[in-house]
Amino acid sequence: MAAIQRGNIEVARIHAEDAILQRNQAINFLRMSARVDAVAARVQIAVTMGKISALMDKFEHQFETLYVQTQQMEDTMSSTRTKWLCCFKKWQMKLGKKLFECFWIMLI
């Protein structure tokens, strides 16, 4: 502004060009900053998704293990129940129905 007031048009033109270049450079930096932020967000999402994927894989493995253990427990309990029922039927035949009913009431 001072160069224009003094009548030095060439210096004023150079200052104006520099100001325009700096303004354009500032806009370009803002664009680049936005792009870097977008890339950082994508990387963060990829990392988060990788962690979620790993966690889901671990959960699936644990669920499968739990399923196998539950199946084994059910098989064992079923086998035990069958053995006890067989044993009770044998006792009932040996003791007779009335004695077995008395025995059963005492157990309960």
N, C-alpha and C. Protein backbone atom coordinates (compact mmCIF):
# COMPACT_ATOMS: atom_id res chain seq x y z
N MET A 1 0.81 -1.18 0.00
CA MET A 1 0.00 0.00 0.00
C MET A 1 0.87 1.26 0.00
N ALA A 2 1.93 1.20 0.78
CA ALA A 2 2.82 2.37 0.86
C ALA A 2 3.50 2.63 -0.47
N ALA A 3 3.82 1.56 -1.22
CA ALA A 3 4.47 1.73 -2.52
C ALA A 3 3.54 2.44 -3.49
N ILE A 4 2.26 2.16 -3.43
CA ILE A 4 1.30 2.83 -4.31
C ILE A 4 1.21 4.31 -3.94
N GLN A 5 1.20 4.60 -2.64
CA GLN A 5 1.10 5.99 -2.19
C GLN A 5 2.32 6.80 -2.62
N ARG A 6 3.46 6.14 -2.68
CA ARG A 6 4.67 6.84 -3.10
C ARG A 6 4.78 6.90 -4.62
N GLY A 7 3.88 6.20 -5.29
CA GLY A 7 3.90 6.23 -6.75
C GLY A 7 4.79 5.18 -7.37
N ASN A 8 5.23 4.23 -6.57
CA ASN A 8 6.10 3.17 -7.07
C ASN A 8 5.24 1.97 -7.47
N ILE A 9 4.71 2.00 -8.65
CA ILE A 9 3.76 1.01 -9.14
C ILE A 9 4.43 -0.36 -9.31
N GLU A 10 5.66 -0.40 -9.77
CA GLU A 10 6.35 -1.69 -10.00
C GLU A 10 6.53 -2.45 -8.69
N VAL A 11 6.95 -1.76 -7.65
CA VAL A 11 7.13 -2.41 -6.33
C VAL A 11 5.77 -2.88 -5.81
N ALA A 12 4.72 -2.08 -6.00
CA ALA A 12 3.37 -2.45 -5.56
C ALA A 12 2.90 -3.69 -6.30
N ARG A 13 3.19 -3.78 -7.60
CA ARG A 13 2.81 -4.96 -8.40
C ARG A 13 3.52 -6.21 -7.89
N ILE A 14 4.80 -6.10 -7.56
CA ILE A 14 5.58 -7.25 -7.05
C ILE A 14 5.00 -7.71 -5.71
N HIS A 15 4.67 -6.76 -4.84
CA HIS A 15 4.06 -7.10 -3.54
C HIS A 15 2.71 -7.80 -3.74
N ALA A 16 1.93 -7.33 -4.68
CA ALA A 16 0.62 -7.93 -4.96
C ALA A 16 0.79 -9.35 -5.48
N GLU A 17 1.77 -9.56 -6.39
CA GLU A 17 2.02 -10.91 -6.91
C GLU A 17 2.46 -11.84 -5.79
N ASP A 18 3.34 -11.35 -4.90
CA ASP A 18 3.78 -12.16 -3.77
C ASP A 18 2.60 -12.52 -2.86
N ALA A 19 1.73 -11.56 -2.62
CA ALA A 19 0.57 -11.80 -1.76
C ALA A 19 -0.35 -12.85 -2.39
N ILE A 20 -0.54 -12.75 -3.72
CA ILE A 20 -1.38 -13.74 -4.42
C ILE A 20 -0.74 -15.12 -4.36
N LEU A 21 0.58 -15.20 -4.58
CA LEU A 21 1.28 -16.49 -4.50
C LEU A 21 1.18 -17.10 -3.10
N GLN A 22 1.38 -16.25 -2.08
CA GLN A 22 1.27 -16.75 -0.70
C GLN A 22 -0.15 -17.24 -0.39
N ARG A 23 -1.15 -16.50 -0.89
CA ARG A 23 -2.54 -16.91 -0.68
C ARG A 23 -2.81 -18.26 -1.35
N ASN A 24 -2.34 -18.41 -2.59
CA ASN A 24 -2.52 -19.69 -3.31
C ASN A 24 -1.78 -20.82 -2.60
N GLN A 25 -0.58 -20.51 -2.08
CA GLN A 25 0.19 -21.52 -1.36
C GLN A 25 -0.55 -21.93 -0.08
N ALA A 26 -1.14 -20.98 0.61
CA ALA A 26 -1.91 -21.28 1.83
C ALA A 26 -3.11 -22.18 1.50
N ILE A 27 -3.78 -21.90 0.40
CA ILE A 27 -4.93 -22.73 -0.03
C ILE A 27 -4.46 -24.14 -0.37
N ASN A 28 -3.32 -24.23 -1.05
CA ASN A 28 -2.77 -25.55 -1.39
C ASN A 28 -2.38 -26.33 -0.13
N PHE A 29 -1.82 -25.65 0.86
CA PHE A 29 -1.49 -26.31 2.12
C PHE A 29 -2.75 -26.83 2.82
N LEU A 30 -3.81 -26.03 2.78
CA LEU A 30 -5.08 -26.47 3.37
C LEU A 30 -5.63 -27.71 2.67
N ARG A 31 -5.54 -27.72 1.34
CA ARG A 31 -5.97 -28.90 0.56
C ARG A 31 -5.14 -30.12 0.94
N MET A 32 -3.81 -29.92 1.00
CA MET A 32 -2.93 -31.03 1.34
C MET A 32 -3.22 -31.53 2.77
N SER A 33 -3.49 -30.61 3.67
CA SER A 33 -3.81 -30.98 5.05
C SER A 33 -5.09 -31.82 5.09
N ALA A 34 -6.08 -31.44 4.32
CA ALA A 34 -7.33 -32.20 4.27
C ALA A 34 -7.09 -33.60 3.71
N ARG A 35 -6.24 -33.70 2.70
CA ARG A 35 -5.92 -35.02 2.12
C ARG A 35 -5.18 -35.90 3.12
N VAL A 36 -4.22 -35.30 3.83
CA VAL A 36 -3.48 -36.06 4.85
C VAL A 36 -4.43 -36.53 5.94
N ASP A 37 -5.35 -35.66 6.36
CA ASP A 37 -6.34 -36.06 7.38
C ASP A 37 -7.20 -37.22 6.88
N ALA A 38 -7.61 -37.16 5.60
CA ALA A 38 -8.42 -38.23 5.03
C ALA A 38 -7.66 -39.55 5.00
N VAL A 39 -6.39 -39.49 4.61
CA VAL A 39 -5.56 -40.71 4.59
C VAL A 39 -5.38 -41.25 6.01
N ALA A 40 -5.13 -40.36 6.96
CA ALA A 40 -4.97 -40.79 8.35
C ALA A 40 -6.25 -41.45 8.86
N ALA A 41 -7.40 -40.91 8.48
CA ALA A 41 -8.67 -41.50 8.90
C ALA A 41 -8.84 -42.89 8.29
N ARG A 42 -8.48 -43.03 7.02
CA ARG A 42 -8.57 -44.35 6.36
C ARG A 42 -7.64 -45.36 7.02
N VAL A 43 -6.44 -44.93 7.35
CA VAL A 43 -5.49 -45.82 8.03
C VAL A 43 -6.04 -46.24 9.39
N GLN A 44 -6.61 -45.28 10.13
CA GLN A 44 -7.17 -45.57 11.45
C GLN A 44 -8.32 -46.57 11.32
N ILE A 45 -9.17 -46.38 10.32
CA ILE A 45 -10.28 -47.31 10.10
C ILE A 45 -9.75 -48.70 9.77
N ALA A 46 -8.72 -48.77 8.93
CA ALA A 46 -8.14 -50.06 8.57
C ALA A 46 -7.56 -50.76 9.79
N VAL A 47 -6.87 -50.00 10.64
CA VAL A 47 -6.30 -50.58 11.86
C VAL A 47 -7.41 -51.07 12.78
N THR A 48 -8.45 -50.25 12.94
CA THR A 48 -9.57 -50.63 13.80
C THR A 48 -10.25 -51.88 13.25
N MET A 49 -10.47 -51.92 11.94
CA MET A 49 -11.12 -53.08 11.34
C MET A 49 -10.25 -54.33 11.50
N GLY A 50 -8.95 -54.16 11.41
CA GLY A 50 -8.05 -55.29 11.63
C GLY A 50 -8.16 -55.81 13.05
N LYS A 51 -8.24 -54.89 14.02
CA LYS A 51 -8.39 -55.31 15.41
C LYS A 51 -9.72 -56.00 15.63
N ILE A 52 -10.78 -55.46 15.02
CA ILE A 52 -12.10 -56.07 15.15
C ILE A 52 -12.11 -57.46 14.52
N SER A 53 -11.49 -57.57 13.37
CA SER A 53 -11.41 -58.87 12.70
C SER A 53 -10.67 -59.89 13.56
N ALA A 54 -9.55 -59.48 14.15
CA ALA A 54 -8.79 -60.38 15.01
C ALA A 54 -9.62 -60.78 16.24
N LEU A 55 -10.33 -59.81 16.80
CA LEU A 55 -11.17 -60.09 17.96
C LEU A 55 -12.30 -61.05 17.60
N MET A 56 -12.89 -60.88 16.43
CA MET A 56 -13.97 -61.78 16.00
C MET A 56 -13.43 -63.18 15.74
N ASP A 57 -12.23 -63.29 15.18
CA ASP A 57 -11.61 -64.60 14.98
C ASP A 57 -11.38 -65.30 16.32
N LYS A 58 -10.90 -64.54 17.29
CA LYS A 58 -10.67 -65.10 18.63
C LYS A 58 -11.99 -65.56 19.25
N PHE A 59 -13.03 -64.73 19.12
CA PHE A 59 -14.35 -65.09 19.65
C PHE A 59 -14.86 -66.36 18.98
N GLU A 60 -14.70 -66.46 17.67
CA GLU A 60 -15.16 -67.65 16.95
C GLU A 60 -14.44 -68.89 17.46
N HIS A 61 -13.13 -68.79 17.66
CA HIS A 61 -12.36 -69.92 18.17
C HIS A 61 -12.85 -70.32 19.57
N GLN A 62 -13.06 -69.33 20.43
CA GLN A 62 -13.53 -69.61 21.79
C GLN A 62 -14.92 -70.22 21.77
N PHE A 63 -15.77 -69.74 20.88
CA PHE A 63 -17.12 -70.28 20.77
C PHE A 63 -17.08 -71.74 20.33
N GLU A 64 -16.22 -72.05 19.35
CA GLU A 64 -16.09 -73.44 18.90
C GLU A 64 -15.59 -74.32 20.03
N THR A 65 -14.61 -73.83 20.79
CA THR A 65 -14.10 -74.60 21.93
C THR A 65 -15.19 -74.83 22.96
N LEU A 66 -15.96 -73.79 23.25
CA LEU A 66 -17.06 -73.91 24.21
C LEU A 66 -18.10 -74.90 23.70
N TYR A 67 -18.38 -74.88 22.42
CA TYR A 67 -19.36 -75.81 21.85
C TYR A 67 -18.89 -77.24 22.04
N VAL A 68 -17.62 -77.51 21.77
CA VAL A 68 -17.08 -78.87 21.94
C VAL A 68 -17.16 -79.28 23.40
N GLN A 69 -16.78 -78.38 24.31
CA GLN A 69 -16.83 -78.70 25.74
C GLN A 69 -18.26 -78.95 26.20
N THR A 70 -19.19 -78.15 25.72
CA THR A 70 -20.61 -78.32 26.07
C THR A 70 -21.11 -79.66 25.56
N GLN A 71 -20.74 -80.00 24.35
CA GLN A 71 -21.16 -81.27 23.77
C GLN A 71 -20.62 -82.44 24.59
N GLN A 72 -19.36 -82.35 25.01
CA GLN A 72 -18.77 -83.41 25.83
C GLN A 72 -19.49 -83.52 27.17
N MET A 73 -19.81 -82.37 27.76
CA MET A 73 -20.50 -82.37 29.05
C MET A 73 -21.90 -82.99 28.90
N GLU A 74 -22.61 -82.62 27.85
CA GLU A 74 -23.94 -83.18 27.63
C GLU A 74 -23.88 -84.69 27.43
N ASP A 75 -22.88 -85.15 26.68
CA ASP A 75 -22.71 -86.58 26.46
C ASP A 75 -22.44 -87.31 27.78
N THR A 76 -21.57 -86.71 28.59
CA THR A 76 -21.23 -87.31 29.88
C THR A 76 -22.45 -87.35 30.79
N MET A 77 -23.19 -86.25 30.84
CA MET A 77 -24.38 -86.21 31.70
C MET A 77 -25.44 -87.19 31.22
N SER A 78 -25.60 -87.29 29.93
CA SER A 78 -26.57 -88.23 29.38
C SER A 78 -26.19 -89.66 29.71
N SER A 79 -24.91 -89.95 29.58
CA SER A 79 -24.41 -91.29 29.91
C SER A 79 -24.61 -91.59 31.39
N THR A 80 -24.29 -90.62 32.24
CA THR A 80 -24.45 -90.79 33.68
C THR A 80 -25.92 -90.99 34.04
N ARG A 81 -26.79 -90.20 33.45
CA ARG A 81 -28.23 -90.31 33.71
C ARG A 81 -28.73 -91.69 33.30
N THR A 82 -28.28 -92.17 32.14
CA THR A 82 -28.69 -93.49 31.67
C THR A 82 -28.23 -94.57 32.65
N LYS A 83 -27.00 -94.43 33.14
CA LYS A 83 -26.47 -95.40 34.10
C LYS A 83 -27.28 -95.39 35.39
N TRP A 84 -27.62 -94.19 35.89
CA TRP A 84 -28.40 -94.10 37.13
C TRP A 84 -29.79 -94.66 36.95
N LEU A 85 -30.41 -94.36 35.81
CA LEU A 85 -31.75 -94.90 35.56
C LEU A 85 -31.72 -96.42 35.51
N CYS A 86 -30.71 -96.94 34.85
CA CYS A 86 -30.55 -98.40 34.78
C CYS A 86 -30.35 -98.98 36.17
N CYS A 87 -29.53 -98.30 36.97
CA CYS A 87 -29.25 -98.74 38.33
C CYS A 87 -30.53 -98.70 39.18
N PHE A 88 -31.32 -97.60 39.06
CA PHE A 88 -32.57 -97.49 39.82
C PHE A 88 -33.56 -98.57 39.41
N LYS A 89 -33.61 -98.87 38.14
CA LYS A 89 -34.53 -99.92 37.69
C LYS A 89 -34.13 -101.27 38.27
N LYS A 90 -32.82 -101.51 38.34
CA LYS A 90 -32.34 -102.77 38.93
C LYS A 90 -32.69 -102.82 40.42
N TRP A 91 -32.50 -101.70 41.12
CA TRP A 91 -32.84 -101.65 42.54
C TRP A 91 -34.33 -101.88 42.75
N GLN A 92 -35.10 -101.25 41.86
CA GLN A 92 -36.55 -101.39 41.98
C GLN A 92 -36.95 -102.85 41.82
N MET A 93 -36.34 -103.53 40.87
CA MET A 93 -36.68 -104.94 40.67
C MET A 93 -36.23 -105.77 41.86
N LYS A 94 -35.06 -105.45 42.42
CA LYS A 94 -34.54 -106.22 43.55
C LYS A 94 -35.34 -105.95 44.82
N LEU A 95 -35.64 -104.72 45.10
CA LEU A 95 -36.29 -104.37 46.36
C LEU A 95 -37.80 -104.53 46.31
N GLY A 96 -38.32 -104.55 45.15
CA GLY A 96 -39.77 -104.57 45.05
C GLY A 96 -40.26 -103.14 45.00
N LYS A 97 -41.39 -102.95 44.43
CA LYS A 97 -41.90 -101.62 44.16
C LYS A 97 -42.10 -100.81 45.44
N LYS A 98 -42.71 -101.39 46.47
CA LYS A 98 -43.01 -100.65 47.70
C LYS A 98 -41.74 -100.23 48.43
N LEU A 99 -40.81 -101.16 48.57
CA LEU A 99 -39.56 -100.82 49.26
C LEU A 99 -38.79 -99.75 48.50
N PHE A 100 -38.79 -99.86 47.17
CA PHE A 100 -38.09 -98.87 46.36
C PHE A 100 -38.73 -97.50 46.53
N GLU A 101 -40.06 -97.42 46.57
CA GLU A 101 -40.74 -96.14 46.76
C GLU A 101 -40.36 -95.53 48.09
N CYS A 102 -40.30 -96.35 49.15
CA CYS A 102 -39.87 -95.85 50.45
C CYS A 102 -38.43 -95.34 50.39
N PHE A 103 -37.57 -96.11 49.77
CA PHE A 103 -36.17 -95.74 49.62
C PHE A 103 -36.05 -94.43 48.85
N TRP A 104 -36.82 -94.31 47.80
CA TRP A 104 -36.79 -93.11 46.97
C TRP A 104 -37.25 -91.88 47.75
N ILE A 105 -38.28 -92.03 48.55
CA ILE A 105 -38.80 -90.92 49.37
C ILE A 105 -37.73 -90.48 50.37
N MET A 106 -37.00 -91.43 50.93
CA MET A 106 -35.95 -91.09 51.88
C MET A 106 -34.81 -90.32 51.18
N LEU A 107 -34.53 -90.62 49.94
CA LEU A 107 -33.49 -89.91 49.20
C LEU A 107 -33.88 -88.48 48.88
N ILE A 108 -35.13 -88.30 48.64
CA ILE A 108 -35.60 -86.95 48.29
C ILE A 108 -35.67 -86.13 49.52
